[in-house]
Every structure is written in C-alpha cells, then in structure tokens.
Amino acid sequence: MTFSPEMEAKFEKLVRSYPPGRPRSALIPMLLYAQDEIGSVTPELVDEVARRLGITTVEVDGVVTYYSMLRKRPMGKYHLQICTNISCMLTGGAELWEHACRKFGIGNKEVTPDGQFSLEEVECIGACSWAPAIQVNYDFQHHLTPEKLDRLIESLRKAPQ
C-alpha cells in the first residue's frame, strides 16, 4: 500500500516515538492518520499496518472493530458527530440530531449522495460544559442551536474544495 511522503514521515516518526519493542503502541494513531488520508480502514490498510508494526492482522482488526472512531467505510468530507448524551440532550442535542437528519435526509453513519456530509450520533465528545456540542471532523462547535447548525452547514458548503 502506498501513502503520501508526508504520511510515510508521520509513520516513521510515530514508530520511533515509542519505546523499542513496543510497536503496538503506535497502532491507534497510525490507523487514525491513515484513515484520514485514505478515507476508511480497508482490509489492505489492516494488512499494511500489521506488517509495519510486526503484529497480526487479527490484532489490528480487533482494535478497528472496538473503537468507533475507526471506520471500515468512508464518511463524508465533513463528518458531523452530534452528541446526544445527558448534558447535550438536556440543552437541545436531540433536537439538533433530528434537525440534521431532516436537513440532510440521512441517518446515523450515513453519507449524503454528494459525499460531502455524514452524520453520527455519539454518546459523548467531552464538551458537556458547552452543550449542546458537535464535532465536525476534528473541530468542536459549542452551544449550538438548529439555526447555528444551519449557518455552520452553509459555511462548510461554501468552503473552498
């Protein structure tokens, strides 16, 4: 499997940053970086990471199936994770979730037909003090309302490709 030169450099630095004899420590960050570059965790990626770290594909696949942030199929360019846990729920998180589903015409872990947006209902993103909150890719958005969510979505649609 071929990665960009930047990704190869990240992998090399990552593996070197852990103690010798502990390559498995690099597994989760390596999978996350690779997922960002290729869009999802494919069987080829599982094989490649296992080879690079000297572990079995079963070990890699076990991690992939355990952690919800690792995905076996591509999500949208903008992946919206909407928290509906207690703090967010009490301040409008469930309404945000329903609003987003209606707006996009998709449900949990689905992608819009143009591939631009995907939704995921999540239990907690660690932003209880700023509820209701969502995460767009790696960026947090706090104190959202349906109107603020609409403005955010429009700004993402207008963002340079």
N, C-alpha and C. Protein backbone atom coordinates (compact mmCIF):
# COMPACT_ATOMS: atom_id res chain seq x y z
N MET A 1 0.85 -1.17 0.00
CA MET A 1 0.00 0.00 0.00
C MET A 1 0.90 1.23 0.00
N THR A 2 0.52 2.23 -0.76
CA THR A 2 1.32 3.44 -0.90
C THR A 2 0.64 4.61 -0.20
N PHE A 3 1.44 5.35 0.55
CA PHE A 3 0.96 6.55 1.23
C PHE A 3 1.74 7.75 0.72
N SER A 4 1.23 8.93 1.02
CA SER A 4 1.93 10.16 0.63
C SER A 4 3.27 10.22 1.39
N PRO A 5 4.23 10.98 0.85
CA PRO A 5 5.51 11.14 1.56
C PRO A 5 5.31 11.72 2.97
N GLU A 6 4.33 12.62 3.12
CA GLU A 6 4.07 13.20 4.44
C GLU A 6 3.59 12.13 5.42
N MET A 7 2.73 11.23 4.93
CA MET A 7 2.23 10.16 5.79
C MET A 7 3.35 9.19 6.15
N GLU A 8 4.20 8.87 5.20
CA GLU A 8 5.33 7.99 5.48
C GLU A 8 6.21 8.59 6.57
N ALA A 9 6.44 9.90 6.50
CA ALA A 9 7.25 10.57 7.52
C ALA A 9 6.57 10.53 8.89
N LYS A 10 5.24 10.73 8.90
CA LYS A 10 4.49 10.64 10.16
C LYS A 10 4.61 9.24 10.76
N PHE A 11 4.45 8.22 9.92
CA PHE A 11 4.54 6.84 10.40
C PHE A 11 5.91 6.57 11.01
N GLU A 12 6.95 7.00 10.32
CA GLU A 12 8.31 6.76 10.79
C GLU A 12 8.54 7.44 12.14
N LYS A 13 8.13 8.70 12.24
CA LYS A 13 8.29 9.45 13.49
C LYS A 13 7.46 8.80 14.60
N LEU A 14 6.27 8.37 14.28
CA LEU A 14 5.38 7.75 15.25
C LEU A 14 5.99 6.48 15.84
N VAL A 15 6.46 5.61 14.98
CA VAL A 15 7.04 4.34 15.44
C VAL A 15 8.27 4.60 16.30
N ARG A 16 9.07 5.60 15.93
CA ARG A 16 10.28 5.93 16.70
C ARG A 16 9.97 6.57 18.05
N SER A 17 8.77 7.14 18.19
CA SER A 17 8.44 7.85 19.43
C SER A 17 8.07 6.92 20.58
N TYR A 18 7.87 5.64 20.29
CA TYR A 18 7.54 4.67 21.34
C TYR A 18 8.77 3.85 21.69
N PRO A 19 8.79 3.29 22.91
CA PRO A 19 9.96 2.50 23.32
C PRO A 19 10.22 1.33 22.38
N PRO A 20 11.48 0.97 22.19
CA PRO A 20 11.81 -0.19 21.35
C PRO A 20 11.10 -1.43 21.87
N GLY A 21 10.65 -2.26 20.95
CA GLY A 21 9.96 -3.48 21.33
C GLY A 21 8.49 -3.29 21.63
N ARG A 22 7.99 -2.08 21.45
CA ARG A 22 6.58 -1.81 21.71
C ARG A 22 5.91 -1.16 20.50
N PRO A 23 6.03 -1.76 19.33
CA PRO A 23 5.46 -1.14 18.14
C PRO A 23 3.94 -1.03 18.19
N ARG A 24 3.30 -1.93 18.95
CA ARG A 24 1.83 -1.92 19.03
C ARG A 24 1.31 -0.60 19.59
N SER A 25 2.14 0.11 20.33
CA SER A 25 1.74 1.40 20.90
C SER A 25 1.38 2.42 19.81
N ALA A 26 1.93 2.25 18.63
CA ALA A 26 1.66 3.18 17.52
C ALA A 26 0.41 2.82 16.74
N LEU A 27 -0.24 1.74 17.11
CA LEU A 27 -1.35 1.22 16.30
C LEU A 27 -2.50 2.20 16.11
N ILE A 28 -3.07 2.70 17.18
CA ILE A 28 -4.24 3.57 17.04
C ILE A 28 -3.92 4.86 16.31
N PRO A 29 -2.85 5.59 16.69
CA PRO A 29 -2.56 6.80 15.92
C PRO A 29 -2.25 6.51 14.46
N MET A 30 -1.58 5.41 14.18
CA MET A 30 -1.27 5.07 12.80
C MET A 30 -2.56 4.82 12.01
N LEU A 31 -3.49 4.11 12.60
CA LEU A 31 -4.77 3.85 11.93
C LEU A 31 -5.55 5.15 11.70
N LEU A 32 -5.54 6.04 12.70
CA LEU A 32 -6.26 7.31 12.54
C LEU A 32 -5.66 8.17 11.44
N TYR A 33 -4.33 8.28 11.43
CA TYR A 33 -3.67 9.06 10.37
C TYR A 33 -3.97 8.47 9.00
N ALA A 34 -3.86 7.16 8.88
CA ALA A 34 -4.09 6.52 7.59
C ALA A 34 -5.55 6.66 7.17
N GLN A 35 -6.45 6.52 8.12
CA GLN A 35 -7.87 6.69 7.80
C GLN A 35 -8.13 8.09 7.26
N ASP A 36 -7.50 9.10 7.85
CA ASP A 36 -7.68 10.46 7.35
C ASP A 36 -7.18 10.59 5.92
N GLU A 37 -6.10 9.91 5.61
CA GLU A 37 -5.54 10.03 4.26
C GLU A 37 -6.34 9.24 3.22
N ILE A 38 -6.75 8.02 3.55
CA ILE A 38 -7.40 7.21 2.52
C ILE A 38 -8.92 7.13 2.66
N GLY A 39 -9.47 7.63 3.78
CA GLY A 39 -10.92 7.72 3.91
C GLY A 39 -11.57 6.68 4.80
N SER A 40 -10.96 5.53 4.97
CA SER A 40 -11.51 4.49 5.83
C SER A 40 -10.43 3.45 6.09
N VAL A 41 -10.74 2.53 6.99
CA VAL A 41 -9.81 1.44 7.30
C VAL A 41 -10.19 0.25 6.42
N THR A 42 -9.42 0.05 5.38
CA THR A 42 -9.68 -1.03 4.43
C THR A 42 -8.93 -2.29 4.85
N PRO A 43 -9.30 -3.44 4.29
CA PRO A 43 -8.53 -4.65 4.56
C PRO A 43 -7.05 -4.51 4.19
N GLU A 44 -6.79 -3.77 3.11
CA GLU A 44 -5.40 -3.54 2.70
C GLU A 44 -4.64 -2.73 3.75
N LEU A 45 -5.33 -1.75 4.33
CA LEU A 45 -4.70 -0.94 5.37
C LEU A 45 -4.42 -1.79 6.61
N VAL A 46 -5.35 -2.64 6.99
CA VAL A 46 -5.14 -3.53 8.13
C VAL A 46 -3.89 -4.38 7.90
N ASP A 47 -3.79 -4.96 6.70
CA ASP A 47 -2.62 -5.78 6.37
C ASP A 47 -1.33 -4.97 6.45
N GLU A 48 -1.36 -3.76 5.90
CA GLU A 48 -0.16 -2.92 5.86
C GLU A 48 0.28 -2.49 7.25
N VAL A 49 -0.64 -2.08 8.08
CA VAL A 49 -0.30 -1.65 9.44
C VAL A 49 0.24 -2.84 10.23
N ALA A 50 -0.41 -3.99 10.09
CA ALA A 50 0.08 -5.19 10.80
C ALA A 50 1.52 -5.50 10.38
N ARG A 51 1.78 -5.43 9.08
CA ARG A 51 3.13 -5.70 8.57
C ARG A 51 4.13 -4.71 9.14
N ARG A 52 3.80 -3.43 9.10
CA ARG A 52 4.73 -2.40 9.57
C ARG A 52 5.01 -2.51 11.07
N LEU A 53 4.02 -2.93 11.84
CA LEU A 53 4.20 -2.99 13.29
C LEU A 53 4.60 -4.37 13.78
N GLY A 54 4.63 -5.34 12.87
CA GLY A 54 5.04 -6.69 13.26
C GLY A 54 4.03 -7.38 14.17
N ILE A 55 2.75 -7.10 13.94
CA ILE A 55 1.69 -7.74 14.71
C ILE A 55 0.74 -8.43 13.73
N THR A 56 -0.21 -9.17 14.25
CA THR A 56 -1.12 -9.90 13.35
C THR A 56 -2.26 -9.01 12.88
N THR A 57 -2.83 -9.40 11.77
CA THR A 57 -4.00 -8.66 11.26
C THR A 57 -5.18 -8.80 12.21
N VAL A 58 -5.26 -9.91 12.93
CA VAL A 58 -6.33 -10.10 13.91
C VAL A 58 -6.22 -9.05 15.03
N GLU A 59 -4.98 -8.76 15.47
CA GLU A 59 -4.79 -7.73 16.48
C GLU A 59 -5.23 -6.36 15.98
N VAL A 60 -4.87 -6.05 14.75
CA VAL A 60 -5.25 -4.76 14.16
C VAL A 60 -6.76 -4.70 14.00
N ASP A 61 -7.35 -5.73 13.45
CA ASP A 61 -8.79 -5.73 13.22
C ASP A 61 -9.56 -5.66 14.54
N GLY A 62 -9.05 -6.26 15.59
CA GLY A 62 -9.69 -6.16 16.90
C GLY A 62 -9.77 -4.73 17.38
N VAL A 63 -8.73 -3.97 17.16
CA VAL A 63 -8.72 -2.55 17.53
C VAL A 63 -9.71 -1.78 16.65
N VAL A 64 -9.71 -2.07 15.36
CA VAL A 64 -10.60 -1.36 14.43
C VAL A 64 -12.06 -1.60 14.81
N THR A 65 -12.41 -2.82 15.15
CA THR A 65 -13.81 -3.10 15.47
C THR A 65 -14.20 -2.59 16.85
N TYR A 66 -13.25 -2.35 17.74
CA TYR A 66 -13.56 -1.88 19.08
C TYR A 66 -13.80 -0.37 19.12
N TYR A 67 -12.98 0.41 18.44
CA TYR A 67 -13.05 1.86 18.53
C TYR A 67 -13.96 2.44 17.45
N SER A 68 -14.97 3.20 17.88
CA SER A 68 -15.96 3.74 16.94
C SER A 68 -15.39 4.83 16.04
N MET A 69 -14.28 5.42 16.40
CA MET A 69 -13.71 6.47 15.55
C MET A 69 -12.93 5.88 14.36
N LEU A 70 -12.77 4.57 14.37
CA LEU A 70 -12.14 3.90 13.22
C LEU A 70 -13.26 3.29 12.39
N ARG A 71 -13.28 3.64 11.11
CA ARG A 71 -14.41 3.27 10.26
C ARG A 71 -13.96 2.42 9.07
N LYS A 72 -14.75 1.39 8.80
CA LYS A 72 -14.43 0.49 7.69
C LYS A 72 -15.03 0.97 6.37
N ARG A 73 -15.79 2.04 6.41
CA ARG A 73 -16.30 2.61 5.16
C ARG A 73 -16.18 4.12 5.23
N PRO A 74 -15.99 4.76 4.09
CA PRO A 74 -15.77 6.21 4.09
C PRO A 74 -16.98 6.98 4.59
N MET A 75 -16.71 8.06 5.28
CA MET A 75 -17.74 9.00 5.69
C MET A 75 -17.62 10.22 4.78
N GLY A 76 -18.46 11.21 5.00
CA GLY A 76 -18.45 12.41 4.18
C GLY A 76 -17.20 13.25 4.39
N LYS A 77 -17.00 14.19 3.49
CA LYS A 77 -15.88 15.12 3.63
C LYS A 77 -15.98 15.82 4.98
N TYR A 78 -17.21 16.16 5.37
CA TYR A 78 -17.48 16.76 6.67
C TYR A 78 -18.30 15.75 7.47
N HIS A 79 -17.66 15.19 8.49
CA HIS A 79 -18.33 14.19 9.33
C HIS A 79 -18.80 14.87 10.61
N LEU A 80 -20.11 14.99 10.75
CA LEU A 80 -20.70 15.65 11.91
C LEU A 80 -21.06 14.62 12.96
N GLN A 81 -20.43 14.73 14.11
CA GLN A 81 -20.75 13.87 15.24
C GLN A 81 -21.55 14.72 16.22
N ILE A 82 -22.80 14.34 16.40
CA ILE A 82 -23.70 15.12 17.24
C ILE A 82 -23.92 14.38 18.55
N CYS A 83 -23.58 15.05 19.63
CA CYS A 83 -23.70 14.44 20.95
C CYS A 83 -25.14 14.49 21.42
N THR A 84 -25.63 13.34 21.89
CA THR A 84 -26.98 13.29 22.47
C THR A 84 -26.94 12.71 23.89
N ASN A 85 -25.78 12.78 24.52
CA ASN A 85 -25.67 12.31 25.90
C ASN A 85 -26.36 13.32 26.82
N ILE A 86 -26.41 13.04 28.09
CA ILE A 86 -27.28 13.76 29.02
C ILE A 86 -27.13 15.29 28.98
N SER A 87 -25.91 15.82 29.06
CA SER A 87 -25.74 17.29 29.06
C SER A 87 -26.22 17.90 27.76
N CYS A 88 -25.86 17.29 26.66
CA CYS A 88 -26.29 17.81 25.37
C CYS A 88 -27.79 17.60 25.16
N MET A 89 -28.27 16.44 25.57
CA MET A 89 -29.70 16.14 25.42
C MET A 89 -30.54 17.18 26.17
N LEU A 90 -30.14 17.52 27.38
CA LEU A 90 -30.91 18.47 28.18
C LEU A 90 -30.89 19.89 27.62
N THR A 91 -29.94 20.17 26.75
CA THR A 91 -29.82 21.53 26.19
C THR A 91 -30.11 21.59 24.70
N GLY A 92 -30.68 20.52 24.13
CA GLY A 92 -31.10 20.56 22.74
C GLY A 92 -30.37 19.63 21.80
N GLY A 93 -29.55 18.73 22.30
CA GLY A 93 -28.80 17.82 21.44
C GLY A 93 -29.68 16.90 20.61
N ALA A 94 -30.75 16.39 21.20
CA ALA A 94 -31.66 15.51 20.45
C ALA A 94 -32.34 16.28 19.33
N GLU A 95 -32.71 17.52 19.59
CA GLU A 95 -33.33 18.36 18.55
C GLU A 95 -32.33 18.66 17.43
N LEU A 96 -31.06 18.90 17.80
CA LEU A 96 -30.03 19.11 16.77
C LEU A 96 -29.89 17.87 15.89
N TRP A 97 -29.87 16.70 16.53
CA TRP A 97 -29.74 15.45 15.79
C TRP A 97 -30.91 15.30 14.80
N GLU A 98 -32.13 15.47 15.28
CA GLU A 98 -33.30 15.34 14.41
C GLU A 98 -33.28 16.38 13.29
N HIS A 99 -32.88 17.59 13.61
CA HIS A 99 -32.79 18.66 12.62
C HIS A 99 -31.78 18.30 11.52
N ALA A 100 -30.61 17.82 11.93
CA ALA A 100 -29.58 17.45 10.95
C ALA A 100 -30.05 16.29 10.08
N CYS A 101 -30.69 15.30 10.67
CA CYS A 101 -31.19 14.16 9.88
C CYS A 101 -32.19 14.63 8.84
N ARG A 102 -33.11 15.52 9.24
CA ARG A 102 -34.10 16.05 8.28
C ARG A 102 -33.41 16.89 7.20
N LYS A 103 -32.48 17.73 7.61
CA LYS A 103 -31.81 18.63 6.67
C LYS A 103 -31.05 17.86 5.59
N PHE A 104 -30.35 16.82 5.99
CA PHE A 104 -29.56 16.04 5.05
C PHE A 104 -30.32 14.88 4.42
N GLY A 105 -31.39 14.46 5.06
CA GLY A 105 -32.14 13.30 4.57
C GLY A 105 -31.40 11.98 4.77
N ILE A 106 -30.58 11.94 5.81
CA ILE A 106 -29.81 10.73 6.12
C ILE A 106 -29.91 10.44 7.61
N GLY A 107 -29.46 9.26 8.01
CA GLY A 107 -29.46 8.87 9.41
C GLY A 107 -28.06 8.59 9.92
N ASN A 108 -28.01 7.85 11.01
CA ASN A 108 -26.74 7.57 11.69
C ASN A 108 -25.76 6.81 10.80
N LYS A 109 -24.55 7.35 10.71
CA LYS A 109 -23.45 6.78 9.93
C LYS A 109 -23.77 6.65 8.44
N GLU A 110 -24.62 7.54 7.96
CA GLU A 110 -24.93 7.59 6.53
C GLU A 110 -24.28 8.83 5.93
N VAL A 111 -24.16 8.81 4.60
CA VAL A 111 -23.47 9.87 3.86
C VAL A 111 -24.44 10.46 2.84
N THR A 112 -24.39 11.77 2.67
CA THR A 112 -25.23 12.41 1.65
C THR A 112 -24.81 11.91 0.27
N PRO A 113 -25.74 11.91 -0.68
CA PRO A 113 -25.41 11.40 -2.02
C PRO A 113 -24.21 12.07 -2.68
N ASP A 114 -23.95 13.35 -2.36
CA ASP A 114 -22.80 14.04 -2.96
C ASP A 114 -21.49 13.75 -2.21
N GLY A 115 -21.56 12.98 -1.11
CA GLY A 115 -20.36 12.63 -0.37
C GLY A 115 -19.79 13.73 0.50
N GLN A 116 -20.51 14.84 0.60
CA GLN A 116 -19.99 15.98 1.36
C GLN A 116 -20.19 15.87 2.86
N PHE A 117 -21.32 15.28 3.27
CA PHE A 117 -21.65 15.25 4.69
C PHE A 117 -22.03 13.86 5.15
N SER A 118 -21.67 13.55 6.38
CA SER A 118 -22.13 12.33 7.04
C SER A 118 -22.48 12.69 8.47
N LEU A 119 -23.36 11.89 9.04
CA LEU A 119 -23.82 12.12 10.41
C LEU A 119 -23.53 10.92 11.28
N GLU A 120 -23.26 11.22 12.55
CA GLU A 120 -23.11 10.15 13.52
C GLU A 120 -23.61 10.66 14.87
N GLU A 121 -24.54 9.92 15.46
CA GLU A 121 -25.00 10.24 16.80
C GLU A 121 -24.00 9.62 17.77
N VAL A 122 -23.45 10.44 18.66
CA VAL A 122 -22.44 9.95 19.59
C VAL A 122 -22.88 10.18 21.02
N GLU A 123 -22.34 9.38 21.90
CA GLU A 123 -22.70 9.44 23.31
C GLU A 123 -22.04 10.61 24.03
N CYS A 124 -20.80 10.90 23.72
CA CYS A 124 -20.13 11.98 24.43
C CYS A 124 -18.88 12.39 23.65
N ILE A 125 -18.71 13.70 23.54
CA ILE A 125 -17.49 14.20 22.91
C ILE A 125 -16.67 15.03 23.90
N GLY A 126 -17.05 14.94 25.18
CA GLY A 126 -16.28 15.60 26.23
C GLY A 126 -16.43 17.11 26.25
N ALA A 127 -17.58 17.61 25.82
CA ALA A 127 -17.80 19.06 25.80
C ALA A 127 -19.06 19.42 26.58
N CYS A 128 -19.29 18.74 27.69
CA CYS A 128 -20.52 18.91 28.47
C CYS A 128 -20.73 20.35 28.93
N SER A 129 -19.68 21.05 29.25
CA SER A 129 -19.81 22.43 29.73
C SER A 129 -20.26 23.39 28.63
N TRP A 130 -20.18 22.96 27.39
CA TRP A 130 -20.53 23.82 26.26
C TRP A 130 -21.69 23.24 25.46
N ALA A 131 -22.50 22.43 26.10
CA ALA A 131 -23.58 21.73 25.43
C ALA A 131 -24.65 22.70 24.92
N PRO A 132 -25.34 22.30 23.85
CA PRO A 132 -25.10 21.11 23.04
C PRO A 132 -23.92 21.34 22.11
N ALA A 133 -23.20 20.27 21.89
CA ALA A 133 -21.96 20.36 21.12
C ALA A 133 -21.93 19.30 20.03
N ILE A 134 -21.20 19.63 18.97
CA ILE A 134 -20.95 18.66 17.91
C ILE A 134 -19.48 18.75 17.55
N GLN A 135 -19.03 17.75 16.84
CA GLN A 135 -17.67 17.77 16.32
C GLN A 135 -17.77 17.59 14.81
N VAL A 136 -17.13 18.48 14.08
CA VAL A 136 -17.06 18.38 12.62
C VAL A 136 -15.61 18.02 12.30
N ASN A 137 -15.41 16.79 11.85
CA ASN A 137 -14.07 16.24 11.69
C ASN A 137 -13.38 16.35 13.06
N TYR A 138 -12.40 17.21 13.20
CA TYR A 138 -11.73 17.34 14.50
C TYR A 138 -12.03 18.66 15.20
N ASP A 139 -12.96 19.43 14.65
CA ASP A 139 -13.27 20.74 15.22
C ASP A 139 -14.56 20.70 16.02
N PHE A 140 -14.49 21.23 17.24
CA PHE A 140 -15.66 21.29 18.11
C PHE A 140 -16.47 22.54 17.83
N GLN A 141 -17.79 22.40 17.92
CA GLN A 141 -18.72 23.51 17.82
C GLN A 141 -19.59 23.45 19.07
N HIS A 142 -19.70 24.56 19.79
CA HIS A 142 -20.37 24.57 21.09
C HIS A 142 -21.62 25.44 21.08
N HIS A 143 -22.48 25.20 22.07
CA HIS A 143 -23.70 25.98 22.29
C HIS A 143 -24.51 26.13 21.00
N LEU A 144 -24.72 25.04 20.31
CA LEU A 144 -25.41 25.10 19.02
C LEU A 144 -26.92 25.13 19.19
N THR A 145 -27.54 25.76 18.21
CA THR A 145 -28.99 25.73 18.02
C THR A 145 -29.22 25.24 16.60
N PRO A 146 -30.43 24.87 16.24
CA PRO A 146 -30.67 24.49 14.84
C PRO A 146 -30.27 25.60 13.86
N GLU A 147 -30.52 26.84 14.23
CA GLU A 147 -30.16 27.96 13.34
C GLU A 147 -28.64 28.08 13.19
N LYS A 148 -27.92 27.94 14.30
CA LYS A 148 -26.46 27.98 14.22
C LYS A 148 -25.92 26.80 13.43
N LEU A 149 -26.55 25.65 13.58
CA LEU A 149 -26.13 24.47 12.81
C LEU A 149 -26.35 24.72 11.32
N ASP A 150 -27.47 25.32 10.96
CA ASP A 150 -27.73 25.64 9.54
C ASP A 150 -26.65 26.57 8.99
N ARG A 151 -26.27 27.60 9.75
CA ARG A 151 -25.22 28.52 9.30
C ARG A 151 -23.89 27.80 9.15
N LEU A 152 -23.59 26.90 10.09
CA LEU A 152 -22.35 26.12 10.02
C LEU A 152 -22.34 25.27 8.75
N ILE A 153 -23.43 24.59 8.48
CA ILE A 153 -23.52 23.73 7.30
C ILE A 153 -23.35 24.55 6.03
N GLU A 154 -23.98 25.72 5.97
CA GLU A 154 -23.84 26.58 4.78
C GLU A 154 -22.40 27.04 4.61
N SER A 155 -21.72 27.35 5.71
CA SER A 155 -20.32 27.78 5.59
C SER A 155 -19.45 26.63 5.12
N LEU A 156 -19.75 25.42 5.54
CA LEU A 156 -18.99 24.25 5.06
C LEU A 156 -19.24 24.00 3.57
N ARG A 157 -20.48 24.19 3.15
CA ARG A 157 -20.81 24.03 1.72
C ARG A 157 -20.06 25.03 0.85
N LYS A 158 -19.84 26.23 1.39
CA LYS A 158 -19.18 27.30 0.63
C LYS A 158 -17.65 27.25 0.75
N ALA A 159 -17.14 26.39 1.63
CA ALA A 159 -15.70 26.31 1.84
C ALA A 159 -15.00 25.89 0.56
N PRO A 160 -13.79 26.39 0.33
CA PRO A 160 -13.05 26.01 -0.87
C PRO A 160 -12.83 24.48 -0.90
N GLN A 161 -12.97 23.93 -2.06
CA GLN A 161 -12.77 22.49 -2.23
C GLN A 161 -11.31 22.24 -2.34
